[in-house]
PDB file of N, CA and C in Angstrom:
ATOM      1  N   MET A   1      49.543  -2.664 -32.419  1.00  0.00           N
ATOM      2  CA  MET A   1      48.640  -2.098 -32.188  1.00  0.00           C
ATOM      3  C   MET A   1      49.630  -0.734 -30.601  1.00  0.00           C
ATOM      4  N   ARG A   2      50.837  -0.950 -30.185  1.00  0.00           N
ATOM      5  CA  ARG A   2      51.534  -0.052 -29.877  1.00  0.00           C
ATOM      6  C   ARG A   2      51.616   0.657 -30.283  1.00  0.00           C
ATOM      7  N   ILE A   3      52.549   1.202 -30.888  1.00  0.00           N
ATOM      8  CA  ILE A   3      52.408   2.092 -32.200  1.00  0.00           C
ATOM      9  C   ILE A   3      51.238   3.269 -32.313  1.00  0.00           C
ATOM     10  N   ILE A   4      50.665   2.279 -32.913  1.00  0.00           N
ATOM     11  CA  ILE A   4      49.390   3.649 -32.427  1.00  0.00           C
ATOM     12  C   ILE A   4      49.068   3.514 -31.481  1.00  0.00           C
ATOM     13  N   ILE A   5      49.034   3.600 -30.919  1.00  0.00           N
ATOM     14  CA  ILE A   5      48.156   3.662 -29.545  1.00  0.00           C
ATOM     15  C   ILE A   5      49.730   4.833 -29.430  1.00  0.00           C
ATOM     16  N   ALA A   6      50.741   4.930 -29.582  1.00  0.00           N
ATOM     17  CA  ALA A   6      51.519   5.991 -28.813  1.00  0.00           C
ATOM     18  C   ALA A   6      51.277   7.111 -30.012  1.00  0.00           C
ATOM     19  N   MET A   7      51.108   6.618 -31.097  1.00  0.00           N
ATOM     20  CA  MET A   7      50.976   7.919 -31.358  1.00  0.00           C
ATOM     21  C   MET A   7      49.885   8.380 -31.144  1.00  0.00           C
ATOM     22  N   LEU A   8      48.616   7.690 -31.657  1.00  0.00           N
ATOM     23  CA  LEU A   8      48.257   9.252 -31.093  1.00  0.00           C
ATOM     24  C   LEU A   8      48.174   9.180 -29.482  1.00  0.00           C
ATOM     25  N   LEU A   9      48.457   9.304 -28.691  1.00  0.00           N
ATOM     26  CA  LEU A   9      48.610   9.960 -27.314  1.00  0.00           C
ATOM     27  C   LEU A   9      49.700  10.662 -27.400  1.00  0.00           C
ATOM     28  N   THR A  10      50.925  10.295 -28.159  1.00  0.00           N
ATOM     29  CA  THR A  10      51.874  11.894 -28.533  1.00  0.00           C
ATOM     30  C   THR A  10      51.126  13.122 -29.754  1.00  0.00           C
ATOM     31  N   LEU A  11      49.819  12.549 -30.097  1.00  0.00           N
ATOM     32  CA  LEU A  11      49.093  14.122 -30.988  1.00  0.00           C
ATOM     33  C   LEU A  11      48.356  13.993 -29.744  1.00  0.00           C
ATOM     34  N   PHE A  12      47.240  13.817 -29.248  1.00  0.00           N
ATOM     35  CA  PHE A  12      46.978  14.223 -27.848  1.00  0.00           C
ATOM     36  C   PHE A  12      47.161  15.225 -27.045  1.00  0.00           C
ATOM     37  N   CYS A  13      48.569  14.400 -27.135  1.00  0.00           N
ATOM     38  CA  CYS A  13      49.357  15.560 -25.702  1.00  0.00           C
ATOM     39  C   CYS A  13      49.255  16.809 -26.473  1.00  0.00           C
ATOM     40  N   ILE A  14      50.260  16.730 -28.098  1.00  0.00           N
ATOM     41  CA  ILE A  14      50.255  17.898 -29.411  1.00  0.00           C
ATOM     42  C   ILE A  14      49.069  18.539 -29.040  1.00  0.00           C
ATOM     43  N   THR A  15      48.291  18.209 -28.696  1.00  0.00           N
ATOM     44  CA  THR A  15      47.239  19.478 -29.072  1.00  0.00           C
ATOM     45  C   THR A  15      46.241  19.641 -28.476  1.00  0.00           C
ATOM     46  N   GLY A  16      46.829  18.868 -27.173  1.00  0.00           N
ATOM     47  CA  GLY A  16      45.276  19.037 -26.671  1.00  0.00           C
ATOM     48  C   GLY A  16      46.464  19.494 -25.438  1.00  0.00           C
ATOM     49  N   CYS A  17      47.486  19.095 -24.921  1.00  0.00           N
ATOM     50  CA  CYS A  17      48.590  19.032 -23.180  1.00  0.00           C
ATOM     51  C   CYS A  17      48.400  20.518 -23.284  1.00  0.00           C
ATOM     52  N   SER A  18      48.398  21.484 -24.224  1.00  0.00           N
ATOM     53  CA  SER A  18      48.688  23.169 -23.669  1.00  0.00           C
ATOM     54  C   SER A  18      48.172  23.837 -22.736  1.00  0.00           C
ATOM     55  N   GLN A  19      48.754  25.016 -22.636  1.00  0.00           N
ATOM     56  CA  GLN A  19      47.489  25.453 -21.843  1.00  0.00           C
ATOM     57  C   GLN A  19      46.384  26.088 -22.013  1.00  0.00           C
ATOM     58  N   PRO A  20      45.211  25.802 -20.816  1.00  0.00           N
ATOM     59  CA  PRO A  20      44.286  25.635 -20.814  1.00  0.00           C
ATOM     60  C   PRO A  20      44.022  27.547 -21.009  1.00  0.00           C
ATOM     61  N   ALA A  21      42.534  27.735 -22.248  1.00  0.00           N
ATOM     62  CA  ALA A  21      42.268  28.897 -22.256  1.00  0.00           C
ATOM     63  C   ALA A  21      41.949  30.208 -20.710  1.00  0.00           C
ATOM     64  N   SER A  22      41.348  29.149 -20.294  1.00  0.00           N
ATOM     65  CA  SER A  22      41.010  30.264 -18.541  1.00  0.00           C
ATOM     66  C   SER A  22      42.252  30.064 -17.669  1.00  0.00           C
ATOM     67  N   ASP A  23      43.434  29.463 -18.027  1.00  0.00           N
ATOM     68  CA  ASP A  23      44.475  29.719 -16.516  1.00  0.00           C
ATOM     69  C   ASP A  23      44.972  31.453 -17.347  1.00  0.00           C
ATOM     70  N   ILE A  24      44.928  32.082 -19.219  1.00  0.00           N
ATOM     71  CA  ILE A  24      45.316  32.959 -19.344  1.00  0.00           C
ATOM     72  C   ILE A  24      43.681  34.682 -19.220  1.00  0.00           C
ATOM     73  N   LEU A  25      42.806  33.731 -18.725  1.00  0.00           N
ATOM     74  CA  LEU A  25      42.173  34.588 -18.650  1.00  0.00           C
ATOM     75  C   LEU A  25      41.937  35.101 -17.078  1.00  0.00           C
ATOM     76  N   THR A  26      42.121  34.113 -15.784  1.00  0.00           N
ATOM     77  CA  THR A  26      42.774  34.458 -14.881  1.00  0.00           C
ATOM     78  C   THR A  26      44.300  34.809 -14.514  1.00  0.00           C
ATOM     79  N   GLN A  27      44.944  34.552 -15.498  1.00  0.00           N
ATOM     80  CA  GLN A  27      46.534  35.775 -15.304  1.00  0.00           C
ATOM     81  C   GLN A  27      45.938  36.000 -15.176  1.00  0.00           C
ATOM     82  N   ILE A  28      45.396  36.935 -16.281  1.00  0.00           N
ATOM     83  CA  ILE A  28      45.056  38.679 -17.286  1.00  0.00           C
ATOM     84  C   ILE A  28      44.288  39.456 -16.515  1.00  0.00           C
ATOM     85  N   SER A  29      43.639  38.386 -15.956  1.00  0.00           N
ATOM     86  CA  SER A  29      42.149  39.239 -14.647  1.00  0.00           C
ATOM     87  C   SER A  29      43.483  39.944 -13.252  1.00  0.00           C
ATOM     88  N   GLY A  30      42.701  41.212 -12.910  1.00  0.00           N
ATOM     89  CA  GLY A  30      43.542  42.326 -12.817  1.00  0.00           C
ATOM     90  C   GLY A  30      42.881  44.498 -13.292  1.00  0.00           C
ATOM     91  N   VAL A  31      44.241  43.977 -12.393  1.00  0.00           N
ATOM     92  CA  VAL A  31      44.158  45.548 -12.307  1.00  0.00           C
ATOM     93  C   VAL A  31      45.246  46.290 -13.140  1.00  0.00           C
ATOM     94  N   TRP A  32      45.562  47.193 -14.265  1.00  0.00           N
ATOM     95  CA  TRP A  32      46.813  47.462 -15.233  1.00  0.00           C
ATOM     96  C   TRP A  32      46.627  48.149 -15.246  1.00  0.00           C
ATOM     97  N   ARG A  33      47.052  49.696 -15.578  1.00  0.00           N
ATOM     98  CA  ARG A  33      47.957  50.626 -15.630  1.00  0.00           C
ATOM     99  C   ARG A  33      48.386  50.842 -17.588  1.00  0.00           C
ATOM    100  N   PHE A  34      47.024  51.852 -17.922  1.00  0.00           N
ATOM    101  CA  PHE A  34      48.438  52.291 -19.562  1.00  0.00           C
ATOM    102  C   PHE A  34      49.732  53.484 -18.741  1.00  0.00           C
ATOM    103  N   SER A  35      49.719  53.265 -19.559  1.00  0.00           N
ATOM    104  CA  SER A  35      51.121  54.402 -20.392  1.00  0.00           C
ATOM    105  C   SER A  35      50.484  55.595 -19.537  1.00  0.00           C
ATOM    106  N   ASP A  36      49.146  56.150 -20.348  1.00  0.00           N
ATOM    107  CA  ASP A  36      49.239  57.228 -19.592  1.00  0.00           C
ATOM    108  C   ASP A  36      49.146  57.454 -18.069  1.00  0.00           C
ATOM    109  N   ASP A  37      48.775  56.415 -17.795  1.00  0.00           N
ATOM    110  CA  ASP A  37      48.609  56.665 -15.537  1.00  0.00           C
ATOM    111  C   ASP A  37      47.491  56.009 -15.759  1.00  0.00           C
ATOM    112  N   SER A  38      46.558  56.216 -16.814  1.00  0.00           N
ATOM    113  CA  SER A  38      44.877  55.067 -16.463  1.00  0.00           C
ATOM    114  C   SER A  38      44.913  54.328 -16.021  1.00  0.00           C
ATOM    115  N   LEU A  39      44.047  53.535 -15.928  1.00  0.00           N
ATOM    116  CA  LEU A  39      43.886  52.255 -14.624  1.00  0.00           C
ATOM    117  C   LEU A  39      42.514  51.851 -15.775  1.00  0.00           C
ATOM    118  N   LEU A  40      43.191  50.146 -15.707  1.00  0.00           N
ATOM    119  CA  LEU A  40      42.153  49.512 -16.622  1.00  0.00           C
ATOM    120  C   LEU A  40      42.150  48.266 -16.088  1.00  0.00           C
ATOM    121  N   THR A  41      40.533  47.626 -15.656  1.00  0.00           N
ATOM    122  CA  THR A  41      40.013  46.407 -14.572  1.00  0.00           C
ATOM    123  C   THR A  41      39.786  45.275 -15.547  1.00  0.00           C
ATOM    124  N   ILE A  42      40.433  44.130 -15.626  1.00  0.00           N
ATOM    125  CA  ILE A  42      39.973  43.109 -15.828  1.00  0.00           C
ATOM    126  C   ILE A  42      39.596  41.892 -15.584  1.00  0.00           C
ATOM    127  N   LYS A  43      38.501  42.121 -15.284  1.00  0.00           N
ATOM    128  CA  LYS A  43      37.670  40.389 -15.038  1.00  0.00           C
ATOM    129  C   LYS A  43      37.123  39.499 -15.616  1.00  0.00           C
ATOM    130  N   HIS A  44      37.273  38.382 -15.150  1.00  0.00           N
ATOM    131  CA  HIS A  44      36.517  37.582 -16.389  1.00  0.00           C
ATOM    132  C   HIS A  44      35.990  36.425 -15.249  1.00  0.00           C
ATOM    133  N   ASP A  45      35.453  36.015 -15.813  1.00  0.00           N
ATOM    134  CA  ASP A  45      33.476  35.054 -16.152  1.00  0.00           C
ATOM    135  C   ASP A  45      33.146  34.207 -17.019  1.00  0.00           C
ATOM    136  N   LYS A  46      33.554  32.934 -16.412  1.00  0.00           N
ATOM    137  CA  LYS A  46      33.525  31.764 -17.337  1.00  0.00           C
ATOM    138  C   LYS A  46      33.670  32.047 -19.356  1.00  0.00           C
ATOM    139  N   ASP A  47      32.975  33.266 -19.808  1.00  0.00           N
ATOM    140  CA  ASP A  47      32.999  33.296 -21.635  1.00  0.00           C
ATOM    141  C   ASP A  47      32.219  34.413 -21.327  1.00  0.00           C
ATOM    142  N   SER A  48      32.294  35.244 -19.831  1.00  0.00           N
ATOM    143  CA  SER A  48      32.249  36.789 -20.000  1.00  0.00           C
ATOM    144  C   SER A  48      33.856  37.791 -19.877  1.00  0.00           C
ATOM    145  N   VAL A  49      34.147  38.829 -20.189  1.00  0.00           N
ATOM    146  CA  VAL A  49      34.542  39.336 -19.306  1.00  0.00           C
ATOM    147  C   VAL A  49      34.821  41.023 -19.008  1.00  0.00           C
ATOM    148  N   TYR A  50      34.964  41.891 -18.124  1.00  0.00           N
ATOM    149  CA  TYR A  50      34.226  43.069 -17.558  1.00  0.00           C
ATOM    150  C   TYR A  50      35.449  43.055 -17.482  1.00  0.00           C
ATOM    151  N   LEU A  51      35.301  44.666 -18.373  1.00  0.00           N
ATOM    152  CA  LEU A  51      37.139  45.574 -18.337  1.00  0.00           C
ATOM    153  C   LEU A  51      35.610  47.280 -17.519  1.00  0.00           C
ATOM    154  N   THR A  52      36.807  47.670 -16.436  1.00  0.00           N
ATOM    155  CA  THR A  52      35.867  49.203 -16.794  1.00  0.00           C
ATOM    156  C   THR A  52      37.267  49.924 -16.900  1.00  0.00           C
ATOM    157  N   SER A  53      37.531  50.955 -16.937  1.00  0.00           N
ATOM    158  CA  SER A  53      38.443  51.648 -16.993  1.00  0.00           C
ATOM    159  C   SER A  53      37.726  53.121 -16.493  1.00  0.00           C
ATOM    160  N   GLY A  54      37.991  54.023 -15.527  1.00  0.00           N
ATOM    161  CA  GLY A  54      37.818  54.757 -15.258  1.00  0.00           C
ATOM    162  C   GLY A  54      36.578  54.676 -14.138  1.00  0.00           C
ATOM    163  N   GLU A  55      35.557  55.278 -14.237  1.00  0.00           N
ATOM    164  CA  GLU A  55      33.946  55.027 -14.170  1.00  0.00           C
ATOM    165  C   GLU A  55      33.518  53.912 -15.357  1.00  0.00           C
ATOM    166  N   ARG A  56      33.639  53.846 -17.097  1.00  0.00           N
ATOM    167  CA  ARG A  56      33.072  53.570 -17.651  1.00  0.00           C
ATOM    168  C   ARG A  56      33.126  51.327 -17.694  1.00  0.00           C
ATOM    169  N   VAL A  57      32.248  51.515 -17.975  1.00  0.00           N
ATOM    170  CA  VAL A  57      32.514  49.666 -18.196  1.00  0.00           C
ATOM    171  C   VAL A  57      32.359  49.462 -19.558  1.00  0.00           C
ATOM    172  N   ILE A  58      32.966  48.362 -19.979  1.00  0.00           N
ATOM    173  CA  ILE A  58      33.222  48.010 -20.873  1.00  0.00           C
ATOM    174  C   ILE A  58      32.771  46.902 -21.528  1.00  0.00           C
ATOM    175  N   ALA A  59      31.780  46.615 -21.875  1.00  0.00           N
ATOM    176  CA  ALA A  59      30.432  45.452 -21.858  1.00  0.00           C
ATOM    177  C   ALA A  59      31.519  44.541 -22.829  1.00  0.00           C
ATOM    178  N   ALA A  60      32.265  43.416 -23.771  1.00  0.00           N
ATOM    179  CA  ALA A  60      32.936  42.273 -23.566  1.00  0.00           C
ATOM    180  C   ALA A  60      32.575  40.847 -23.442  1.00  0.00           C
ATOM    181  N   LYS A  61      33.367  39.953 -24.800  1.00  0.00           N
ATOM    182  CA  LYS A  61      33.443  38.726 -24.701  1.00  0.00           C
ATOM    183  C   LYS A  61      34.131  38.212 -25.295  1.00  0.00           C
ATOM    184  N   VAL A  62      35.000  36.799 -24.744  1.00  0.00           N
ATOM    185  CA  VAL A  62      35.619  36.375 -25.333  1.00  0.00           C
ATOM    186  C   VAL A  62      35.652  36.081 -26.251  1.00  0.00           C
ATOM    187  N   GLY A  63      36.329  35.976 -27.821  1.00  0.00           N
ATOM    188  CA  GLY A  63      36.337  35.635 -28.282  1.00  0.00           C
ATOM    189  C   GLY A  63      37.256  34.056 -28.686  1.00  0.00           C
ATOM    190  N   ALA A  64      37.991  34.269 -29.666  1.00  0.00           N
ATOM    191  CA  ALA A  64      40.128  33.518 -29.857  1.00  0.00           C
ATOM    192  C   ALA A  64      40.446  33.953 -29.205  1.00  0.00           C
ATOM    193  N   ILE A  65      40.804  32.750 -28.556  1.00  0.00           N
ATOM    194  CA  ILE A  65      41.981  31.927 -27.794  1.00  0.00           C
ATOM    195  C   ILE A  65      42.848  31.743 -27.325  1.00  0.00           C
ATOM    196  N   ASP A  66      44.041  32.066 -28.225  1.00  0.00           N
ATOM    197  CA  ASP A  66      45.936  31.195 -29.082  1.00  0.00           C
ATOM    198  C   ASP A  66      46.457  31.588 -27.596  1.00  0.00           C
ATOM    199  N   THR A  67      46.255  30.001 -26.680  1.00  0.00           N
ATOM    200  CA  THR A  67      47.295  29.467 -26.106  1.00  0.00           C
ATOM    201  C   THR A  67      49.031  29.627 -26.307  1.00  0.00           C
ATOM    202  N   ARG A  68      49.055  29.553 -27.889  1.00  0.00           N
ATOM    203  CA  ARG A  68      50.517  29.307 -28.045  1.00  0.00           C
ATOM    204  C   ARG A  68      51.587  30.885 -28.070  1.00  0.00           C
ATOM    205  N   ASN A  69      50.796  32.051 -29.281  1.00  0.00           N
ATOM    206  CA  ASN A  69      51.009  32.807 -28.775  1.00  0.00           C
ATOM    207  C   ASN A  69      50.179  33.743 -27.381  1.00  0.00           C
ATOM    208  N   LYS A  70      49.836  33.312 -26.931  1.00  0.00           N
ATOM    209  CA  LYS A  70      49.150  34.511 -25.485  1.00  0.00           C
ATOM    210  C   LYS A  70      48.563  35.319 -25.852  1.00  0.00           C
ATOM    211  N   THR A  71      47.175  35.045 -26.396  1.00  0.00           N
ATOM    212  CA  THR A  71      46.369  36.644 -26.679  1.00  0.00           C
ATOM    213  C   THR A  71      45.132  35.998 -26.926  1.00  0.00           C
ATOM    214  N   VAL A  72      44.397  37.048 -26.388  1.00  0.00           N
ATOM    215  CA  VAL A  72      42.818  36.762 -25.830  1.00  0.00           C
ATOM    216  C   VAL A  72      42.056  37.772 -27.317  1.00  0.00           C
ATOM    217  N   ASN A  73      41.231  37.438 -27.719  1.00  0.00           N
ATOM    218  CA  ASN A  73      40.631  38.530 -28.326  1.00  0.00           C
ATOM    219  C   ASN A  73      39.434  38.868 -27.751  1.00  0.00           C
ATOM    220  N   LEU A  74      38.312  39.866 -27.606  1.00  0.00           N
ATOM    221  CA  LEU A  74      37.879  40.868 -26.714  1.00  0.00           C
ATOM    222  C   LEU A  74      36.554  40.907 -27.890  1.00  0.00           C
ATOM    223  N   LYS A  75      35.334  40.708 -27.922  1.00  0.00           N
ATOM    224  CA  LYS A  75      34.566  41.329 -28.988  1.00  0.00           C
ATOM    225  C   LYS A  75      33.757  42.373 -27.611  1.00  0.00           C
ATOM    226  N   VAL A  76      34.621  43.694 -28.456  1.00  0.00           N
ATOM    227  CA  VAL A  76      33.203  44.898 -27.489  1.00  0.00           C
ATOM    228  C   VAL A  76      32.677  45.733 -27.675  1.00  0.00           C
ATOM    229  N   ILE A  77      31.945  46.738 -27.014  1.00  0.00           N
ATOM    230  CA  ILE A  77      30.587  47.271 -27.885  1.00  0.00           C
ATOM    231  C   ILE A  77      31.694  49.262 -27.443  1.00  0.00           C
ATOM    232  N   LEU A  78      31.499  49.756 -27.850  1.00  0.00           N
ATOM    233  CA  LEU A  78      31.990  50.867 -28.078  1.00  0.00           C
ATOM    234  C   LEU A  78      31.468  52.027 -27.490  1.00  0.00           C
ATOM    235  N   PRO A  79      31.677  52.942 -27.484  1.00  0.00           N
ATOM    236  CA  PRO A  79      30.484  53.949 -26.524  1.00  0.00           C
ATOM    237  C   PRO A  79      29.394  54.393 -27.510  1.00  0.00           C
ATOM    238  N   ASP A  80      29.702  54.165 -29.412  1.00  0.00           N
ATOM    239  CA  ASP A  80      28.630  54.956 -30.002  1.00  0.00           C
ATOM    240  C   ASP A  80      27.852  53.969 -30.653  1.00  0.00           C
ATOM    241  N   GLY A  81      28.107  51.974 -29.972  1.00  0.00           N
ATOM    242  CA  GLY A  81      27.247  51.058 -30.152  1.00  0.00           C
ATOM    243  C   GLY A  81      28.172  50.168 -31.496  1.00  0.00           C
ATOM    244  N   ARG A  82      29.040  50.590 -32.111  1.00  0.00           N
ATOM    245  CA  ARG A  82      29.638  49.876 -33.223  1.00  0.00           C
ATOM    246  C   ARG A  82      30.956  48.222 -32.207  1.00  0.00           C
ATOM    247  N   ASP A  83      30.442  47.438 -33.109  1.00  0.00           N
ATOM    248  CA  ASP A  83      31.497  46.135 -31.937  1.00  0.00           C
ATOM    249  C   ASP A  83      32.348  46.444 -32.835  1.00  0.00           C
ATOM    250  N   ALA A  84      33.526  46.105 -32.188  1.00  0.00           N
ATOM    251  CA  ALA A  84      34.705  46.045 -31.991  1.00  0.00           C
ATOM    252  C   ALA A  84      36.102  45.088 -31.812  1.00  0.00           C
ATOM    253  N   ILE A  85      37.218  44.209 -32.272  1.00  0.00           N
ATOM    254  CA  ILE A  85      38.200  43.820 -31.680  1.00  0.00           C
ATOM    255  C   ILE A  85      39.450  44.364 -31.035  1.00  0.00           C
ATOM    256  N   TRP A  86      39.712  43.565 -30.023  1.00  0.00           N
ATOM    257  CA  TRP A  86      40.623  43.957 -29.501  1.00  0.00           C
ATOM    258  C   TRP A  86      40.948  43.451 -28.452  1.00  0.00           C
ATOM    259  N   THR A  87      42.849  43.183 -28.929  1.00  0.00           N
ATOM    260  CA  THR A  87      43.652  41.900 -28.363  1.00  0.00           C
ATOM    261  C   THR A  87      44.438  41.491 -26.941  1.00  0.00           C
ATOM    262  N   ILE A  88      44.555  41.494 -26.468  1.00  0.00           N
ATOM    263  CA  ILE A  88      45.788  41.302 -25.531  1.00  0.00           C
ATOM    264  C   ILE A  88      46.327  40.109 -25.348  1.00  0.00           C
ATOM    265  N   LYS A  89      47.624  40.168 -25.288  1.00  0.00           N
ATOM    266  CA  LYS A  89      48.469  39.780 -25.554  1.00  0.00           C
ATOM    267  C   LYS A  89      49.478  39.501 -23.985  1.00  0.00           C
ATOM    268  N   GLN A  90      50.075  38.552 -24.306  1.00  0.00           N
ATOM    269  CA  GLN A  90      50.719  38.898 -22.860  1.00  0.00           C
ATOM    270  C   GLN A  90      52.636  38.944 -23.615  1.00  0.00           C
ATOM    271  N   VAL A  91      53.229  39.322 -22.379  1.00  0.00           N
ATOM    272  CA  VAL A  91      54.284  39.564 -23.465  1.00  0.00           C
ATOM    273  C   VAL A  91      55.111  39.599 -21.243  1.00  0.00           C
ATOM    274  N   PHE A  92      56.121  37.818 -21.620  1.00  0.00           N
ATOM    275  CA  PHE A  92      56.739  37.235 -20.856  1.00  0.00           C
ATOM    276  C   PHE A  92      58.416  37.884 -20.166  1.00  0.00           C
ATOM    277  N   THR A  93      58.949  38.889 -19.774  1.00  0.00           N
ATOM    278  CA  THR A  93      60.322  38.121 -19.518  1.00  0.00           C
ATOM    279  C   THR A  93      61.299  37.867 -19.403  1.00  0.00           C
ATOM    280  N   ALA A  94      62.504  38.269 -19.524  1.00  0.00           N
ATOM    281  CA  ALA A  94      63.290  37.775 -19.767  1.00  0.00           C
ATOM    282  C   ALA A  94      63.374  36.443 -18.435  1.00  0.00           C
ATOM    283  N   ASP A  95      62.855  36.520 -17.508  1.00  0.00           N
ATOM    284  CA  ASP A  95      62.722  35.223 -16.746  1.00  0.00           C
ATOM    285  C   ASP A  95      61.833  34.585 -16.420  1.00  0.00           C
ATOM    286  N   ASP A  96      60.568  34.794 -18.315  1.00  0.00           N
ATOM    287  CA  ASP A  96      59.679  34.531 -17.631  1.00  0.00           C
ATOM    288  C   ASP A  96      58.315  33.919 -16.265  1.00  0.00           C
ATOM    289  N   ARG A  97      58.755  34.498 -15.088  1.00  0.00           N
ATOM    290  CA  ARG A  97      58.457  34.681 -14.389  1.00  0.00           C
ATOM    291  C   ARG A  97      57.145  35.798 -13.814  1.00  0.00           C
ATOM    292  N   THR A  98      57.244  37.116 -14.607  1.00  0.00           N
ATOM    293  CA  THR A  98      56.449  38.150 -14.826  1.00  0.00           C
ATOM    294  C   THR A  98      55.889  38.385 -16.071  1.00  0.00           C
ATOM    295  N   PHE A  99      54.975  39.036 -16.250  1.00  0.00           N
ATOM    296  CA  PHE A  99      54.839  39.179 -17.943  1.00  0.00           C
ATOM    297  C   PHE A  99      53.643  40.818 -17.528  1.00  0.00           C
ATOM    298  N   TYR A 100      54.230  40.763 -19.172  1.00  0.00           N
ATOM    299  CA  TYR A 100      53.382  42.618 -19.131  1.00  0.00           C
ATOM    300  C   TYR A 100      52.293  43.085 -19.925  1.00  0.00           C
ATOM    301  N   LEU A 101      51.072  43.604 -20.482  1.00  0.00           N
ATOM    302  CA  LEU A 101      50.363  43.436 -20.984  1.00  0.00           C
ATOM    303  C   LEU A 101      50.699  44.165 -22.080  1.00  0.00           C
ATOM    304  N   VAL A 102      50.004  43.474 -23.441  1.00  0.00           N
ATOM    305  CA  VAL A 102      50.209  44.419 -24.963  1.00  0.00           C
ATOM    306  C   VAL A 102      48.685  44.508 -25.575  1.00  0.00           C
ATOM    307  N   VAL A 103      47.586  45.174 -25.363  1.00  0.00           N
ATOM    308  CA  VAL A 103      46.746  45.787 -26.531  1.00  0.00           C
ATOM    309  C   VAL A 103      47.048  45.983 -27.231  1.00  0.00           C
ATOM    310  N   THR A 104      45.158  45.883 -28.169  1.00  0.00           N
ATOM    311  CA  THR A 104      45.418  46.759 -29.225  1.00  0.00           C
ATOM    312  C   THR A 104      43.664  46.941 -29.759  1.00  0.00           C
ATOM    313  N   LEU A 105      43.799  47.921 -29.741  1.00  0.00           N
ATOM    314  CA  LEU A 105      42.895  48.068 -30.257  1.00  0.00           C
ATOM    315  C   LEU A 105      42.440  48.138 -31.923  1.00  0.00           C
ATOM    316  N   HIS A 106      40.758  47.770 -31.820  1.00  0.00           N
ATOM    317  CA  HIS A 106      40.520  47.832 -32.847  1.00  0.00           C
ATOM    318  C   HIS A 106      40.849  49.055 -34.275  1.00  0.00           C
ATOM    319  N   ASP A 107      40.905  50.216 -33.881  1.00  0.00           N
ATOM    320  CA  ASP A 107      41.848  50.996 -35.201  1.00  0.00           C
ATOM    321  C   ASP A 107      43.411  50.050 -34.996  1.00  0.00           C
ATOM    322  N   GLY A 108      43.210  49.609 -34.611  1.00  0.00           N
ATOM    323  CA  GLY A 108      45.447  49.484 -34.615  1.00  0.00           C
ATOM    324  C   GLY A 108      46.655  50.196 -33.295  1.00  0.00           C
ATOM    325  N   LYS A 109      45.476  50.948 -33.037  1.00  0.00           N
ATOM    326  CA  LYS A 109      46.209  51.789 -31.217  1.00  0.00           C
ATOM    327  C   LYS A 109      47.050  50.511 -30.699  1.00  0.00           C
ATOM    328  N   LYS A 110      48.724  50.539 -30.491  1.00  0.00           N
ATOM    329  CA  LYS A 110      48.552  49.509 -29.017  1.00  0.00           C
ATOM    330  C   LYS A 110      48.861  50.254 -27.803  1.00  0.00           C
ATOM    331  N   ASP A 111      49.024  49.644 -26.681  1.00  0.00           N
ATOM    332  CA  ASP A 111      49.142  50.456 -26.184  1.00  0.00           C
ATOM    333  C   ASP A 111      50.142  49.389 -24.884  1.00  0.00           C
ATOM    334  N   VAL A 112      51.178  49.872 -23.629  1.00  0.00           N
ATOM    335  CA  VAL A 112      51.612  48.600 -22.878  1.00  0.00           C
ATOM    336  C   VAL A 112      50.793  48.788 -21.081  1.00  0.00           C
ATOM    337  N   LEU A 113      50.021  47.902 -21.257  1.00  0.00           N
ATOM    338  CA  LEU A 113      49.676  47.691 -19.900  1.00  0.00           C
ATOM    339  C   LEU A 113      51.337  46.961 -18.185  1.00  0.00           C
ATOM    340  N   GLN A 114      50.964  47.519 -17.530  1.00  0.00           N
ATOM    341  CA  GLN A 114      52.051  47.468 -16.618  1.00  0.00           C
ATOM    342  C   GLN A 114      50.967  46.566 -15.377  1.00  0.00           C
ATOM    343  N   PHE A 115      51.487  45.699 -14.363  1.00  0.00           N
ATOM    344  CA  PHE A 115      51.201  44.573 -13.965  1.00  0.00           C
ATOM    345  C   PHE A 115      50.831  45.817 -12.597  1.00  0.00           C
ATOM    346  N   VAL A 116      49.085  46.546 -11.734  1.00  0.00           N
ATOM    347  CA  VAL A 116      48.683  47.389 -10.842  1.00  0.00           C
ATOM    348  C   VAL A 116      48.477  46.242  -9.090  1.00  0.00           C
ATOM    349  N   ARG A 117      47.480  45.779  -9.668  1.00  0.00           N
ATOM    350  CA  ARG A 117      47.370  43.935  -8.330  1.00  0.00           C
ATOM    351  C   ARG A 117      46.257  43.159  -8.336  1.00  0.00           C
ATOM    352  N   LYS A 118      45.785  41.824  -8.343  1.00  0.00           N
ATOM    353  CA  LYS A 118      44.941  41.318  -8.762  1.00  0.00           C
ATOM    354  C   LYS A 118      43.333  41.986  -8.225  1.00  0.00           C
ATOM    355  N   VAL A 119      42.692  41.835  -8.711  1.00  0.00           N
ATOM    356  CA  VAL A 119      41.553  42.355  -8.852  1.00  0.00           C
ATOM    357  C   VAL A 119      40.684  41.336  -7.452  1.00  0.00           C
TER     358      VAL A 119
END
């Protein structure tokens, strides 16, 4: 019986002891600078994410979050009304203390975002 309990606890820890999805959303919330020096503000509240680029607010909902690969899929509505998926990936530096973001847009274009400040 102890062996079964130990196996179940191990399985639970493997599947359930990873970083909570909300931690990633909290970590990526802030003001970020695109490679062209424009800014993107990311702010989350439960299942919603608020994106602001310049004066434009981009409607977004949280899709799949992969805590193992540090990615967040966002369902966004483009200015022309189409739905799209954007993926934000945390990329940690060699010291594992800081990270930057790589954004992959719906058309496959990627950009690197550097942290500016918290919201």
